[in-house]
Amino acid sequence: MKPGTRVLKGALVGALAVWASSWRIMYLEVHRWHHLDARLRFAPPPTPPGFPPARAGVPVRAARAAAVLAPPVSVALACSCLRAARLTGPAAGPPPRGTATGR
């Protein structure tokens, strides 16, 4: 295995982990914590009089961005891994026994 494919596979595993965890967080934000509505828009609680309106914080924005960006990044990395594996071919080594060239 070439070093480049090892890096691609590591990046793919990381992207898939970000994808799964960000969608889990989005599920919790919508259904348990109620910070977001079903369309992933910020749904603040009622604001007491005299206070500024609530805004989405950095964690909510980052989780929403990760949930949107992780799927296409994962698909692109998977395609790159498949292309790299196709270009490098099978692992180098002697042919298996019992084949025409391996006797």
N, C-alpha and C. Protein backbone atom coordinates (compact mmCIF):
# COMPACT_ATOMS: atom_id res chain seq x y z
N MET A 1 0.86 -1.18 0.00
CA MET A 1 0.00 0.00 0.00
C MET A 1 0.90 1.23 0.00
N LYS A 2 0.62 2.15 -0.88
CA LYS A 2 1.40 3.36 -0.96
C LYS A 2 1.02 4.32 0.17
N PRO A 3 1.96 5.20 0.58
CA PRO A 3 1.65 6.13 1.67
C PRO A 3 0.47 7.05 1.36
N GLY A 4 0.30 7.41 0.11
CA GLY A 4 -0.81 8.29 -0.26
C GLY A 4 -2.17 7.66 -0.02
N THR A 5 -2.28 6.36 -0.29
CA THR A 5 -3.55 5.70 -0.06
C THR A 5 -3.83 5.54 1.43
N ARG A 6 -2.76 5.38 2.21
CA ARG A 6 -2.94 5.28 3.67
C ARG A 6 -3.48 6.60 4.22
N VAL A 7 -2.98 7.71 3.70
CA VAL A 7 -3.46 9.03 4.14
C VAL A 7 -4.92 9.22 3.71
N LEU A 8 -5.25 8.82 2.49
CA LEU A 8 -6.63 8.93 2.02
C LEU A 8 -7.58 8.10 2.87
N LYS A 9 -7.17 6.89 3.22
CA LYS A 9 -8.04 6.04 4.04
C LYS A 9 -8.22 6.63 5.43
N GLY A 10 -7.16 7.19 6.00
CA GLY A 10 -7.27 7.84 7.30
C GLY A 10 -8.19 9.05 7.25
N ALA A 11 -8.07 9.84 6.18
CA ALA A 11 -8.95 11.00 6.02
C ALA A 11 -10.40 10.56 5.83
N LEU A 12 -10.60 9.47 5.12
CA LEU A 12 -11.96 8.95 4.92
C LEU A 12 -12.58 8.49 6.24
N VAL A 13 -11.81 7.79 7.04
CA VAL A 13 -12.31 7.35 8.35
C VAL A 13 -12.65 8.56 9.22
N GLY A 14 -11.80 9.58 9.20
CA GLY A 14 -12.08 10.80 9.96
C GLY A 14 -13.33 11.51 9.48
N ALA A 15 -13.48 11.61 8.16
CA ALA A 15 -14.66 12.27 7.60
C ALA A 15 -15.94 11.50 7.93
N LEU A 16 -15.88 10.18 7.90
CA LEU A 16 -17.05 9.39 8.25
C LEU A 16 -17.40 9.54 9.73
N ALA A 17 -16.37 9.65 10.58
CA ALA A 17 -16.63 9.86 12.01
C ALA A 17 -17.27 11.22 12.25
N VAL A 18 -16.78 12.25 11.54
CA VAL A 18 -17.38 13.58 11.67
C VAL A 18 -18.81 13.55 11.17
N TRP A 19 -19.06 12.86 10.07
CA TRP A 19 -20.41 12.75 9.52
C TRP A 19 -21.35 12.13 10.54
N ALA A 20 -20.98 10.98 11.07
CA ALA A 20 -21.86 10.28 12.02
C ALA A 20 -22.08 11.09 13.29
N SER A 21 -21.03 11.66 13.83
CA SER A 21 -21.18 12.41 15.09
C SER A 21 -21.96 13.70 14.88
N SER A 22 -21.77 14.37 13.75
CA SER A 22 -22.49 15.62 13.51
C SER A 22 -23.98 15.35 13.32
N TRP A 23 -24.34 14.26 12.66
CA TRP A 23 -25.75 13.94 12.50
C TRP A 23 -26.38 13.52 13.81
N ARG A 24 -25.61 12.87 14.68
CA ARG A 24 -26.11 12.52 16.01
C ARG A 24 -26.37 13.80 16.81
N ILE A 25 -25.45 14.76 16.72
CA ILE A 25 -25.63 16.03 17.43
C ILE A 25 -26.84 16.78 16.86
N MET A 26 -27.02 16.76 15.55
CA MET A 26 -28.18 17.42 14.97
C MET A 26 -29.48 16.77 15.46
N TYR A 27 -29.49 15.46 15.58
CA TYR A 27 -30.66 14.77 16.11
C TYR A 27 -30.96 15.25 17.53
N LEU A 28 -29.91 15.34 18.36
CA LEU A 28 -30.10 15.81 19.73
C LEU A 28 -30.55 17.26 19.78
N GLU A 29 -29.98 18.11 18.91
CA GLU A 29 -30.36 19.52 18.87
C GLU A 29 -31.84 19.69 18.52
N VAL A 30 -32.33 18.88 17.62
CA VAL A 30 -33.72 19.01 17.16
C VAL A 30 -34.69 18.36 18.14
N HIS A 31 -34.40 17.13 18.55
CA HIS A 31 -35.40 16.36 19.29
C HIS A 31 -35.29 16.41 20.80
N ARG A 32 -34.10 16.62 21.33
CA ARG A 32 -33.98 16.63 22.78
C ARG A 32 -33.80 18.05 23.32
N TRP A 33 -32.84 18.79 22.75
CA TRP A 33 -32.52 20.11 23.29
C TRP A 33 -33.39 21.21 22.71
N HIS A 34 -33.99 20.99 21.56
CA HIS A 34 -34.90 21.92 20.90
C HIS A 34 -34.25 23.27 20.59
N HIS A 35 -32.94 23.26 20.27
CA HIS A 35 -32.28 24.49 19.83
C HIS A 35 -32.55 24.77 18.37
N LEU A 36 -32.83 23.71 17.60
CA LEU A 36 -33.10 23.84 16.17
C LEU A 36 -34.46 23.23 15.88
N ASP A 37 -35.09 23.73 14.80
CA ASP A 37 -36.35 23.11 14.39
C ASP A 37 -36.04 22.00 13.37
N ALA A 38 -37.05 21.39 12.82
CA ALA A 38 -36.85 20.26 11.91
C ALA A 38 -36.14 20.65 10.62
N ARG A 39 -36.15 21.93 10.28
CA ARG A 39 -35.45 22.40 9.07
C ARG A 39 -34.06 22.93 9.39
N LEU A 40 -33.57 22.64 10.60
CA LEU A 40 -32.25 23.02 11.10
C LEU A 40 -32.07 24.53 11.20
N ARG A 41 -33.17 25.23 11.45
CA ARG A 41 -33.09 26.67 11.73
C ARG A 41 -33.08 26.86 13.23
N PHE A 42 -32.38 27.90 13.69
CA PHE A 42 -32.29 28.17 15.11
C PHE A 42 -33.66 28.56 15.64
N ALA A 43 -34.08 27.90 16.72
CA ALA A 43 -35.38 28.16 17.33
C ALA A 43 -35.15 28.55 18.79
N PRO A 44 -34.92 29.83 19.06
CA PRO A 44 -34.59 30.23 20.43
C PRO A 44 -35.81 30.16 21.34
N PRO A 45 -35.56 30.01 22.63
CA PRO A 45 -36.67 30.06 23.57
C PRO A 45 -37.20 31.49 23.68
N PRO A 46 -38.36 31.70 24.25
CA PRO A 46 -38.88 33.06 24.40
C PRO A 46 -37.90 33.93 25.21
N THR A 47 -37.68 35.15 24.73
CA THR A 47 -36.76 36.06 25.39
C THR A 47 -37.51 36.92 26.40
N PRO A 48 -36.97 37.05 27.61
CA PRO A 48 -37.62 37.93 28.58
C PRO A 48 -37.58 39.39 28.10
N PRO A 49 -38.54 40.19 28.50
CA PRO A 49 -38.54 41.59 28.07
C PRO A 49 -37.27 42.31 28.55
N GLY A 50 -36.74 43.14 27.67
CA GLY A 50 -35.57 43.93 28.01
C GLY A 50 -34.25 43.25 27.69
N PHE A 51 -34.26 42.02 27.22
CA PHE A 51 -33.03 41.32 26.86
C PHE A 51 -32.91 41.23 25.34
N PRO A 52 -31.69 41.17 24.83
CA PRO A 52 -31.53 41.03 23.37
C PRO A 52 -31.99 39.65 22.92
N PRO A 53 -32.39 39.53 21.67
CA PRO A 53 -32.84 38.22 21.18
C PRO A 53 -31.68 37.22 21.16
N ALA A 54 -31.99 35.96 21.39
CA ALA A 54 -30.97 34.91 21.40
C ALA A 54 -30.50 34.62 19.98
N ARG A 55 -29.23 34.28 19.89
CA ARG A 55 -28.65 33.91 18.60
C ARG A 55 -27.96 32.57 18.75
N ALA A 56 -27.80 31.87 17.64
CA ALA A 56 -27.12 30.57 17.66
C ALA A 56 -25.65 30.79 17.98
N GLY A 57 -25.12 29.96 18.86
CA GLY A 57 -23.73 30.06 19.24
C GLY A 57 -22.82 29.31 18.28
N VAL A 58 -21.53 29.39 18.54
CA VAL A 58 -20.54 28.74 17.69
C VAL A 58 -20.73 27.21 17.65
N PRO A 59 -20.99 26.53 18.78
CA PRO A 59 -21.17 25.08 18.69
C PRO A 59 -22.33 24.67 17.79
N VAL A 60 -23.44 25.39 17.86
CA VAL A 60 -24.58 25.06 17.01
C VAL A 60 -24.24 25.31 15.54
N ARG A 61 -23.59 26.42 15.27
CA ARG A 61 -23.20 26.73 13.88
C ARG A 61 -22.19 25.71 13.35
N ALA A 62 -21.22 25.33 14.17
CA ALA A 62 -20.20 24.37 13.74
C ALA A 62 -20.82 23.00 13.49
N ALA A 63 -21.72 22.57 14.36
CA ALA A 63 -22.36 21.27 14.16
C ALA A 63 -23.22 21.27 12.90
N ARG A 64 -23.91 22.37 12.65
CA ARG A 64 -24.73 22.46 11.45
C ARG A 64 -23.85 22.45 10.19
N ALA A 65 -22.74 23.17 10.23
CA ALA A 65 -21.82 23.18 9.08
C ALA A 65 -21.22 21.80 8.85
N ALA A 66 -20.84 21.11 9.92
CA ALA A 66 -20.28 19.77 9.78
C ALA A 66 -21.32 18.80 9.22
N ALA A 67 -22.57 18.93 9.64
CA ALA A 67 -23.62 18.04 9.15
C ALA A 67 -23.88 18.25 7.66
N VAL A 68 -23.66 19.47 7.19
CA VAL A 68 -23.90 19.77 5.78
C VAL A 68 -22.68 19.42 4.92
N LEU A 69 -21.47 19.66 5.44
CA LEU A 69 -20.27 19.48 4.63
C LEU A 69 -19.67 18.08 4.70
N ALA A 70 -19.90 17.34 5.76
CA ALA A 70 -19.28 16.03 5.90
C ALA A 70 -19.72 15.01 4.85
N PRO A 71 -21.01 14.93 4.48
CA PRO A 71 -21.38 13.93 3.47
C PRO A 71 -20.68 14.10 2.11
N PRO A 72 -20.65 15.30 1.51
CA PRO A 72 -19.95 15.38 0.22
C PRO A 72 -18.45 15.16 0.33
N VAL A 73 -17.85 15.58 1.45
CA VAL A 73 -16.42 15.35 1.64
C VAL A 73 -16.16 13.84 1.76
N SER A 74 -17.00 13.13 2.47
CA SER A 74 -16.84 11.68 2.62
C SER A 74 -16.98 10.97 1.28
N VAL A 75 -17.95 11.37 0.49
CA VAL A 75 -18.14 10.75 -0.82
C VAL A 75 -16.93 11.03 -1.72
N ALA A 76 -16.43 12.25 -1.70
CA ALA A 76 -15.26 12.59 -2.52
C ALA A 76 -14.04 11.79 -2.08
N LEU A 77 -13.83 11.65 -0.78
CA LEU A 77 -12.70 10.87 -0.29
C LEU A 77 -12.85 9.39 -0.63
N ALA A 78 -14.07 8.86 -0.56
CA ALA A 78 -14.29 7.46 -0.92
C ALA A 78 -13.98 7.23 -2.39
N CYS A 79 -14.40 8.15 -3.24
CA CYS A 79 -14.09 8.04 -4.68
C CYS A 79 -12.58 8.11 -4.91
N SER A 80 -11.91 8.98 -4.19
CA SER A 80 -10.45 9.10 -4.32
C SER A 80 -9.75 7.83 -3.86
N CYS A 81 -10.24 7.23 -2.76
CA CYS A 81 -9.65 5.97 -2.28
C CYS A 81 -9.83 4.85 -3.31
N LEU A 82 -11.02 4.77 -3.88
CA LEU A 82 -11.27 3.74 -4.89
C LEU A 82 -10.41 3.95 -6.12
N ARG A 83 -10.27 5.20 -6.55
CA ARG A 83 -9.44 5.50 -7.71
C ARG A 83 -7.98 5.18 -7.42
N ALA A 84 -7.49 5.52 -6.24
CA ALA A 84 -6.10 5.24 -5.89
C ALA A 84 -5.85 3.74 -5.80
N ALA A 85 -6.82 3.00 -5.26
CA ALA A 85 -6.67 1.55 -5.17
C ALA A 85 -6.67 0.91 -6.56
N ARG A 86 -7.48 1.46 -7.46
CA ARG A 86 -7.53 0.92 -8.82
C ARG A 86 -6.23 1.21 -9.55
N LEU A 87 -5.63 2.38 -9.33
CA LEU A 87 -4.41 2.75 -10.02
C LEU A 87 -3.20 1.99 -9.50
N THR A 88 -3.15 1.71 -8.20
CA THR A 88 -2.00 1.01 -7.65
C THR A 88 -2.06 -0.48 -7.89
N GLY A 89 -3.27 -1.03 -8.05
CA GLY A 89 -3.41 -2.45 -8.32
C GLY A 89 -3.24 -3.28 -7.06
N PRO A 90 -3.16 -4.60 -7.23
CA PRO A 90 -3.02 -5.46 -6.06
C PRO A 90 -1.66 -5.28 -5.41
N ALA A 91 -1.55 -5.73 -4.18
CA ALA A 91 -0.29 -5.61 -3.45
C ALA A 91 0.78 -6.43 -4.15
N ALA A 92 2.03 -5.90 -4.15
CA ALA A 92 3.13 -6.59 -4.80
C ALA A 92 3.51 -7.82 -3.98
N GLY A 93 3.92 -8.86 -4.64
CA GLY A 93 4.33 -10.08 -3.96
C GLY A 93 4.27 -11.23 -4.93
N PRO A 94 4.67 -12.38 -4.47
CA PRO A 94 4.65 -13.53 -5.37
C PRO A 94 3.21 -13.94 -5.68
N PRO A 95 3.00 -14.52 -6.84
CA PRO A 95 1.65 -14.98 -7.18
C PRO A 95 1.23 -16.11 -6.26
N PRO A 96 -0.05 -16.28 -6.05
CA PRO A 96 -0.51 -17.36 -5.17
C PRO A 96 -0.19 -18.73 -5.75
N ARG A 97 -0.03 -19.69 -4.87
CA ARG A 97 0.29 -21.06 -5.32
C ARG A 97 -0.91 -21.66 -6.02
N GLY A 98 -0.62 -22.47 -6.98
CA GLY A 98 -1.67 -23.15 -7.71
C GLY A 98 -2.09 -22.40 -8.96
N THR A 99 -1.49 -21.24 -9.23
CA THR A 99 -1.79 -20.53 -10.46
C THR A 99 -0.76 -20.89 -11.51
N ALA A 100 -1.00 -20.48 -12.72
CA ALA A 100 -0.10 -20.83 -13.81
C ALA A 100 1.31 -20.28 -13.59
N THR A 101 1.42 -19.10 -13.03
CA THR A 101 2.75 -18.51 -12.84
C THR A 101 3.33 -18.87 -11.47
N GLY A 102 2.53 -19.34 -10.54
CA GLY A 102 3.02 -19.67 -9.20
C GLY A 102 3.32 -21.13 -9.01
N ARG A 103 3.01 -21.97 -10.00
CA ARG A 103 3.23 -23.42 -10.02
C ARG A 103 2.56 -24.09 -8.89
